[in-house]
Amino acid sequence: MDELGQQWREPREKTDAELRSNHGDLDMGNPLVTRQPKTAEGFRADGIRYVVTNSDARTQYFKGRRGKNFPSFIRFYTSLDRTKRIETFDPRDWGGKGPAVWIYDLHQPAPADQPPLTTEGHIPWTPPEL
């Protein structure tokens, strides 16, 4: 298992070396967690098979100005879209609130009929009939 931390408090992307050399950054996070993602292909090459992420984590890099300051996160999430999304848990399906959660299989390419995610980080959605 590997963990990717979000640089939520930073105005721009920092390398792991920058984060690990700053006392304030060390106080704010686990120094063993990477905060600069590889692409899906890079994680696959390292032996990672599955990635679990959510719409809140993804959306912040595709809306507004934040994305241009975090290019490795844009590359990471864009590369995930080229892999198979094997499960989606969207609380809107049961009238709930909160982020959608996705599980990706890095060893399988995205099928041609895999729906793209919206800018808000959701699969285009139609409410279930009751």
N, C-alpha and C. Protein backbone atom coordinates (compact mmCIF):
# COMPACT_ATOMS: atom_id res chain seq x y z
N MET A 1 0.85 -1.17 0.00
CA MET A 1 0.00 0.00 0.00
C MET A 1 0.90 1.23 0.00
N ASP A 2 0.50 2.22 -0.75
CA ASP A 2 1.20 3.49 -0.82
C ASP A 2 0.17 4.57 -0.57
N GLU A 3 0.61 5.72 -0.14
CA GLU A 3 -0.31 6.82 0.13
C GLU A 3 0.20 8.08 -0.55
N LEU A 4 -0.70 8.79 -1.17
CA LEU A 4 -0.39 10.07 -1.80
C LEU A 4 -1.07 11.16 -1.00
N GLY A 5 -0.29 12.05 -0.42
CA GLY A 5 -0.86 13.16 0.34
C GLY A 5 -1.17 14.34 -0.57
N GLN A 6 -2.20 15.07 -0.22
CA GLN A 6 -2.57 16.27 -0.97
C GLN A 6 -1.84 17.48 -0.38
N GLN A 7 -1.37 18.36 -1.23
CA GLN A 7 -0.72 19.59 -0.77
C GLN A 7 -1.78 20.68 -0.60
N TRP A 8 -2.77 20.42 0.20
CA TRP A 8 -3.94 21.28 0.33
C TRP A 8 -3.61 22.67 0.86
N ARG A 9 -2.56 22.81 1.63
CA ARG A 9 -2.27 24.11 2.25
C ARG A 9 -1.29 24.95 1.44
N GLU A 10 -0.80 24.42 0.34
CA GLU A 10 0.23 25.10 -0.45
C GLU A 10 -0.38 25.86 -1.62
N PRO A 11 0.18 27.04 -1.96
CA PRO A 11 -0.29 27.78 -3.13
C PRO A 11 0.25 27.22 -4.45
N ARG A 12 1.32 26.43 -4.36
CA ARG A 12 1.91 25.82 -5.55
C ARG A 12 2.47 24.45 -5.15
N GLU A 13 2.71 23.64 -6.16
CA GLU A 13 3.27 22.31 -5.93
C GLU A 13 4.71 22.42 -5.45
N LYS A 14 5.05 21.63 -4.45
CA LYS A 14 6.43 21.53 -3.97
C LYS A 14 6.90 20.10 -4.17
N THR A 15 8.18 19.93 -4.37
CA THR A 15 8.73 18.58 -4.49
C THR A 15 8.77 17.95 -3.10
N ASP A 16 8.90 16.63 -3.06
CA ASP A 16 9.03 15.96 -1.77
C ASP A 16 10.27 16.47 -1.04
N ALA A 17 11.36 16.74 -1.77
CA ALA A 17 12.59 17.24 -1.15
C ALA A 17 12.34 18.60 -0.48
N GLU A 18 11.61 19.49 -1.16
CA GLU A 18 11.28 20.79 -0.56
C GLU A 18 10.45 20.61 0.71
N LEU A 19 9.45 19.75 0.64
CA LEU A 19 8.58 19.54 1.79
C LEU A 19 9.34 18.94 2.97
N ARG A 20 10.26 18.04 2.69
CA ARG A 20 11.01 17.37 3.76
C ARG A 20 12.11 18.23 4.34
N SER A 21 12.46 19.34 3.69
CA SER A 21 13.53 20.21 4.20
C SER A 21 12.98 21.41 4.97
N ASN A 22 11.67 21.54 5.06
CA ASN A 22 11.06 22.69 5.71
C ASN A 22 10.39 22.23 7.00
N HIS A 23 10.78 22.83 8.13
CA HIS A 23 10.24 22.39 9.42
C HIS A 23 8.73 22.56 9.50
N GLY A 24 8.20 23.64 8.95
CA GLY A 24 6.75 23.84 8.96
C GLY A 24 6.02 22.75 8.19
N ASP A 25 6.57 22.39 7.02
CA ASP A 25 5.95 21.33 6.23
C ASP A 25 6.06 19.98 6.93
N LEU A 26 7.18 19.73 7.59
CA LEU A 26 7.34 18.47 8.31
C LEU A 26 6.34 18.35 9.45
N ASP A 27 6.05 19.47 10.11
CA ASP A 27 5.05 19.45 11.18
C ASP A 27 3.64 19.18 10.66
N MET A 28 3.40 19.53 9.40
CA MET A 28 2.05 19.41 8.83
C MET A 28 1.77 18.05 8.20
N GLY A 29 2.77 17.21 8.04
CA GLY A 29 2.49 15.95 7.35
C GLY A 29 3.51 14.87 7.63
N ASN A 30 3.18 13.69 7.22
CA ASN A 30 4.03 12.53 7.37
C ASN A 30 5.17 12.61 6.35
N PRO A 31 6.43 12.64 6.79
CA PRO A 31 7.54 12.75 5.84
C PRO A 31 7.72 11.50 4.97
N LEU A 32 7.04 10.41 5.31
CA LEU A 32 7.17 9.19 4.51
C LEU A 32 6.16 9.12 3.38
N VAL A 33 5.19 10.03 3.38
CA VAL A 33 4.14 10.04 2.35
C VAL A 33 4.59 10.94 1.22
N THR A 34 4.44 10.47 -0.02
CA THR A 34 4.77 11.33 -1.15
C THR A 34 3.64 12.32 -1.39
N ARG A 35 4.02 13.51 -1.80
CA ARG A 35 3.04 14.55 -2.10
C ARG A 35 3.23 15.08 -3.51
N GLN A 36 3.90 14.30 -4.31
CA GLN A 36 4.08 14.65 -5.72
C GLN A 36 3.88 13.35 -6.52
N PRO A 37 2.70 13.19 -7.10
CA PRO A 37 2.36 11.90 -7.69
C PRO A 37 3.07 11.61 -9.00
N LYS A 38 3.24 10.32 -9.23
CA LYS A 38 3.66 9.84 -10.54
C LYS A 38 2.41 9.72 -11.40
N THR A 39 2.57 9.33 -12.63
CA THR A 39 1.41 9.00 -13.46
C THR A 39 0.93 7.60 -13.08
N ALA A 40 -0.24 7.23 -13.58
CA ALA A 40 -0.74 5.87 -13.36
C ALA A 40 0.27 4.85 -13.87
N GLU A 41 0.91 5.16 -14.99
CA GLU A 41 1.92 4.26 -15.56
C GLU A 41 3.11 4.11 -14.61
N GLY A 42 3.51 5.20 -13.97
CA GLY A 42 4.61 5.16 -13.02
C GLY A 42 4.28 4.33 -11.80
N PHE A 43 3.07 4.49 -11.27
CA PHE A 43 2.65 3.68 -10.13
C PHE A 43 2.56 2.20 -10.52
N ARG A 44 2.03 1.93 -11.72
CA ARG A 44 1.94 0.54 -12.19
C ARG A 44 3.33 -0.07 -12.29
N ALA A 45 4.31 0.68 -12.80
CA ALA A 45 5.68 0.18 -12.91
C ALA A 45 6.28 -0.12 -11.53
N ASP A 46 5.80 0.57 -10.50
CA ASP A 46 6.26 0.33 -9.13
C ASP A 46 5.52 -0.82 -8.46
N GLY A 47 4.61 -1.47 -9.18
CA GLY A 47 3.89 -2.61 -8.63
C GLY A 47 2.55 -2.29 -8.00
N ILE A 48 2.10 -1.05 -8.11
CA ILE A 48 0.79 -0.67 -7.57
C ILE A 48 -0.28 -1.12 -8.57
N ARG A 49 -1.31 -1.77 -8.08
CA ARG A 49 -2.37 -2.24 -8.98
C ARG A 49 -3.62 -1.39 -8.90
N TYR A 50 -4.05 -1.03 -7.69
CA TYR A 50 -5.31 -0.31 -7.52
C TYR A 50 -5.07 1.09 -6.94
N VAL A 51 -5.88 2.03 -7.37
CA VAL A 51 -5.88 3.38 -6.82
C VAL A 51 -7.30 3.71 -6.38
N VAL A 52 -7.43 4.22 -5.17
CA VAL A 52 -8.71 4.69 -4.66
C VAL A 52 -8.59 6.20 -4.49
N THR A 53 -9.51 6.93 -5.08
CA THR A 53 -9.51 8.39 -4.97
C THR A 53 -10.94 8.88 -4.92
N ASN A 54 -11.11 10.18 -4.79
CA ASN A 54 -12.47 10.72 -4.68
C ASN A 54 -12.59 12.05 -5.41
N SER A 55 -13.84 12.46 -5.58
CA SER A 55 -14.11 13.66 -6.37
C SER A 55 -13.59 14.93 -5.70
N ASP A 56 -13.58 15.00 -4.38
CA ASP A 56 -13.03 16.19 -3.72
C ASP A 56 -11.54 16.33 -3.98
N ALA A 57 -10.81 15.22 -3.92
CA ALA A 57 -9.37 15.26 -4.17
C ALA A 57 -9.09 15.67 -5.61
N ARG A 58 -9.83 15.12 -6.56
CA ARG A 58 -9.58 15.35 -7.98
C ARG A 58 -10.02 16.74 -8.43
N THR A 59 -11.20 17.15 -8.02
CA THR A 59 -11.82 18.37 -8.54
C THR A 59 -10.98 19.61 -8.29
N GLN A 60 -10.31 19.69 -7.16
CA GLN A 60 -9.56 20.90 -6.83
C GLN A 60 -8.48 21.23 -7.86
N TYR A 61 -8.06 20.25 -8.63
CA TYR A 61 -7.01 20.49 -9.63
C TYR A 61 -7.57 20.78 -11.02
N PHE A 62 -8.87 20.61 -11.22
CA PHE A 62 -9.47 20.83 -12.53
C PHE A 62 -10.39 22.04 -12.57
N LYS A 63 -10.59 22.68 -11.45
CA LYS A 63 -11.43 23.88 -11.40
C LYS A 63 -10.60 25.04 -10.87
N GLY A 64 -10.83 26.21 -11.42
CA GLY A 64 -10.13 27.38 -10.94
C GLY A 64 -8.66 27.40 -11.31
N ARG A 65 -7.90 28.19 -10.57
CA ARG A 65 -6.48 28.39 -10.89
C ARG A 65 -5.56 27.35 -10.28
N ARG A 66 -6.04 26.57 -9.37
CA ARG A 66 -5.17 25.66 -8.62
C ARG A 66 -4.44 24.66 -9.52
N GLY A 67 -5.09 24.16 -10.55
CA GLY A 67 -4.50 23.14 -11.40
C GLY A 67 -3.20 23.54 -12.04
N LYS A 68 -3.08 24.78 -12.50
CA LYS A 68 -1.85 25.19 -13.18
C LYS A 68 -0.66 25.23 -12.23
N ASN A 69 -0.91 25.32 -10.92
CA ASN A 69 0.17 25.33 -9.94
C ASN A 69 0.55 23.94 -9.44
N PHE A 70 -0.19 22.92 -9.88
CA PHE A 70 0.04 21.54 -9.46
C PHE A 70 0.04 20.62 -10.67
N PRO A 71 1.00 20.78 -11.59
CA PRO A 71 0.96 20.01 -12.83
C PRO A 71 1.08 18.50 -12.65
N SER A 72 1.79 18.03 -11.63
CA SER A 72 1.91 16.58 -11.47
C SER A 72 0.57 15.96 -11.07
N PHE A 73 -0.27 16.70 -10.37
CA PHE A 73 -1.59 16.18 -10.01
C PHE A 73 -2.51 16.12 -11.23
N ILE A 74 -2.41 17.12 -12.11
CA ILE A 74 -3.18 17.08 -13.37
C ILE A 74 -2.75 15.87 -14.19
N ARG A 75 -1.43 15.66 -14.31
CA ARG A 75 -0.93 14.48 -15.05
C ARG A 75 -1.42 13.18 -14.42
N PHE A 76 -1.38 13.10 -13.09
CA PHE A 76 -1.81 11.90 -12.39
C PHE A 76 -3.28 11.59 -12.66
N TYR A 77 -4.15 12.56 -12.43
CA TYR A 77 -5.58 12.31 -12.62
C TYR A 77 -5.94 12.09 -14.09
N THR A 78 -5.26 12.77 -14.99
CA THR A 78 -5.49 12.54 -16.42
C THR A 78 -5.07 11.13 -16.80
N SER A 79 -3.94 10.67 -16.26
CA SER A 79 -3.48 9.32 -16.56
C SER A 79 -4.42 8.27 -15.96
N LEU A 80 -5.02 8.55 -14.81
CA LEU A 80 -5.99 7.61 -14.23
C LEU A 80 -7.18 7.42 -15.16
N ASP A 81 -7.58 8.49 -15.86
CA ASP A 81 -8.72 8.39 -16.78
C ASP A 81 -8.45 7.43 -17.93
N ARG A 82 -7.19 7.07 -18.15
CA ARG A 82 -6.84 6.11 -19.20
C ARG A 82 -6.84 4.67 -18.69
N THR A 83 -7.16 4.49 -17.39
CA THR A 83 -7.23 3.15 -16.81
C THR A 83 -8.68 2.83 -16.48
N LYS A 84 -8.93 1.57 -16.18
CA LYS A 84 -10.30 1.12 -15.95
C LYS A 84 -10.78 1.51 -14.55
N ARG A 85 -11.90 2.20 -14.51
CA ARG A 85 -12.58 2.54 -13.26
C ARG A 85 -13.44 1.32 -12.92
N ILE A 86 -13.02 0.53 -11.94
CA ILE A 86 -13.72 -0.74 -11.69
C ILE A 86 -14.89 -0.60 -10.73
N GLU A 87 -14.93 0.49 -9.96
CA GLU A 87 -16.07 0.68 -9.06
C GLU A 87 -16.25 2.16 -8.78
N THR A 88 -17.50 2.56 -8.66
CA THR A 88 -17.86 3.93 -8.31
C THR A 88 -18.85 3.89 -7.17
N PHE A 89 -18.60 4.68 -6.15
CA PHE A 89 -19.53 4.84 -5.04
C PHE A 89 -19.90 6.32 -5.02
N ASP A 90 -21.11 6.64 -5.47
CA ASP A 90 -21.56 8.02 -5.54
C ASP A 90 -22.73 8.19 -4.60
N PRO A 91 -22.58 8.96 -3.53
CA PRO A 91 -23.66 9.08 -2.55
C PRO A 91 -24.95 9.66 -3.11
N ARG A 92 -24.87 10.32 -4.25
CA ARG A 92 -26.11 10.83 -4.87
C ARG A 92 -27.03 9.67 -5.25
N ASP A 93 -26.45 8.48 -5.48
CA ASP A 93 -27.26 7.32 -5.85
C ASP A 93 -28.24 6.91 -4.76
N TRP A 94 -27.95 7.22 -3.51
CA TRP A 94 -28.85 6.86 -2.42
C TRP A 94 -29.32 8.10 -1.64
N GLY A 95 -29.26 9.26 -2.31
CA GLY A 95 -29.75 10.50 -1.70
C GLY A 95 -28.81 11.08 -0.67
N GLY A 96 -27.56 10.63 -0.69
CA GLY A 96 -26.59 11.11 0.29
C GLY A 96 -25.79 12.29 -0.23
N LYS A 97 -24.89 12.75 0.60
CA LYS A 97 -24.01 13.86 0.25
C LYS A 97 -22.57 13.41 0.43
N GLY A 98 -21.68 14.17 -0.17
CA GLY A 98 -20.26 13.88 -0.04
C GLY A 98 -19.65 13.52 -1.38
N PRO A 99 -18.35 13.27 -1.37
CA PRO A 99 -17.65 13.01 -2.62
C PRO A 99 -17.95 11.62 -3.18
N ALA A 100 -17.85 11.53 -4.49
CA ALA A 100 -17.87 10.21 -5.14
C ALA A 100 -16.50 9.57 -4.90
N VAL A 101 -16.48 8.26 -4.78
CA VAL A 101 -15.24 7.51 -4.58
C VAL A 101 -15.09 6.55 -5.74
N TRP A 102 -13.88 6.47 -6.30
CA TRP A 102 -13.61 5.57 -7.41
C TRP A 102 -12.46 4.65 -7.08
N ILE A 103 -12.54 3.44 -7.63
CA ILE A 103 -11.43 2.49 -7.56
C ILE A 103 -11.01 2.22 -9.00
N TYR A 104 -9.73 2.40 -9.27
CA TYR A 104 -9.16 2.17 -10.60
C TYR A 104 -8.24 0.96 -10.56
N ASP A 105 -8.22 0.20 -11.65
CA ASP A 105 -7.29 -0.90 -11.84
C ASP A 105 -6.23 -0.43 -12.84
N LEU A 106 -5.02 -0.19 -12.35
CA LEU A 106 -3.96 0.34 -13.20
C LEU A 106 -3.48 -0.66 -14.25
N HIS A 107 -3.83 -1.93 -14.09
CA HIS A 107 -3.39 -2.95 -15.05
C HIS A 107 -4.35 -3.11 -16.22
N GLN A 108 -5.47 -2.39 -16.20
CA GLN A 108 -6.44 -2.50 -17.29
C GLN A 108 -6.65 -1.13 -17.92
N PRO A 109 -6.62 -1.05 -19.24
CA PRO A 109 -6.92 0.23 -19.89
C PRO A 109 -8.40 0.56 -19.76
N ALA A 110 -8.71 1.83 -19.86
CA ALA A 110 -10.11 2.25 -19.81
C ALA A 110 -10.85 1.68 -21.01
N PRO A 111 -12.01 1.07 -20.80
CA PRO A 111 -12.79 0.60 -21.94
C PRO A 111 -13.34 1.79 -22.71
N ALA A 112 -13.63 1.57 -23.96
CA ALA A 112 -14.13 2.65 -24.83
C ALA A 112 -15.42 3.26 -24.29
N ASP A 113 -16.22 2.48 -23.58
CA ASP A 113 -17.50 3.00 -23.08
C ASP A 113 -17.43 3.55 -21.65
N GLN A 114 -16.22 3.70 -21.10
CA GLN A 114 -16.10 4.27 -19.76
C GLN A 114 -16.48 5.75 -19.80
N PRO A 115 -17.50 6.15 -19.04
CA PRO A 115 -17.91 7.56 -19.10
C PRO A 115 -16.84 8.48 -18.54
N PRO A 116 -16.62 9.61 -19.20
CA PRO A 116 -15.63 10.56 -18.68
C PRO A 116 -16.18 11.23 -17.42
N LEU A 117 -15.28 11.74 -16.59
CA LEU A 117 -15.69 12.47 -15.40
C LEU A 117 -15.94 13.92 -15.76
N THR A 118 -16.88 14.54 -15.07
CA THR A 118 -17.15 15.96 -15.29
C THR A 118 -16.10 16.80 -14.57
N THR A 119 -16.11 18.09 -14.83
CA THR A 119 -15.19 19.00 -14.14
C THR A 119 -15.40 18.94 -12.63
N GLU A 120 -16.63 18.67 -12.21
CA GLU A 120 -16.93 18.56 -10.79
C GLU A 120 -16.50 17.21 -10.22
N GLY A 121 -15.93 16.36 -11.05
CA GLY A 121 -15.44 15.09 -10.57
C GLY A 121 -16.50 14.03 -10.40
N HIS A 122 -17.52 14.08 -11.20
CA HIS A 122 -18.57 13.07 -11.14
C HIS A 122 -18.78 12.46 -12.52
N ILE A 123 -19.31 11.27 -12.53
CA ILE A 123 -19.76 10.67 -13.78
C ILE A 123 -21.09 11.35 -14.10
N PRO A 124 -21.34 11.73 -15.36
CA PRO A 124 -22.65 12.31 -15.67
C PRO A 124 -23.75 11.42 -15.08
N TRP A 125 -24.69 12.02 -14.40
CA TRP A 125 -25.59 11.28 -13.53
C TRP A 125 -27.04 11.58 -13.82
N THR A 126 -27.84 10.53 -13.78
CA THR A 126 -29.29 10.66 -13.86
C THR A 126 -29.85 10.05 -12.59
N PRO A 127 -30.69 10.78 -11.86
CA PRO A 127 -31.24 10.22 -10.61
C PRO A 127 -31.97 8.91 -10.87
N PRO A 128 -31.83 7.94 -9.96
CA PRO A 128 -32.55 6.68 -10.14
C PRO A 128 -34.05 6.88 -10.01
N GLU A 129 -34.79 6.09 -10.76
CA GLU A 129 -36.25 6.16 -10.67
C GLU A 129 -36.68 5.46 -9.39
N LEU A 130 -37.61 6.08 -8.71
CA LEU A 130 -38.10 5.49 -7.45
C LEU A 130 -39.41 4.79 -7.65
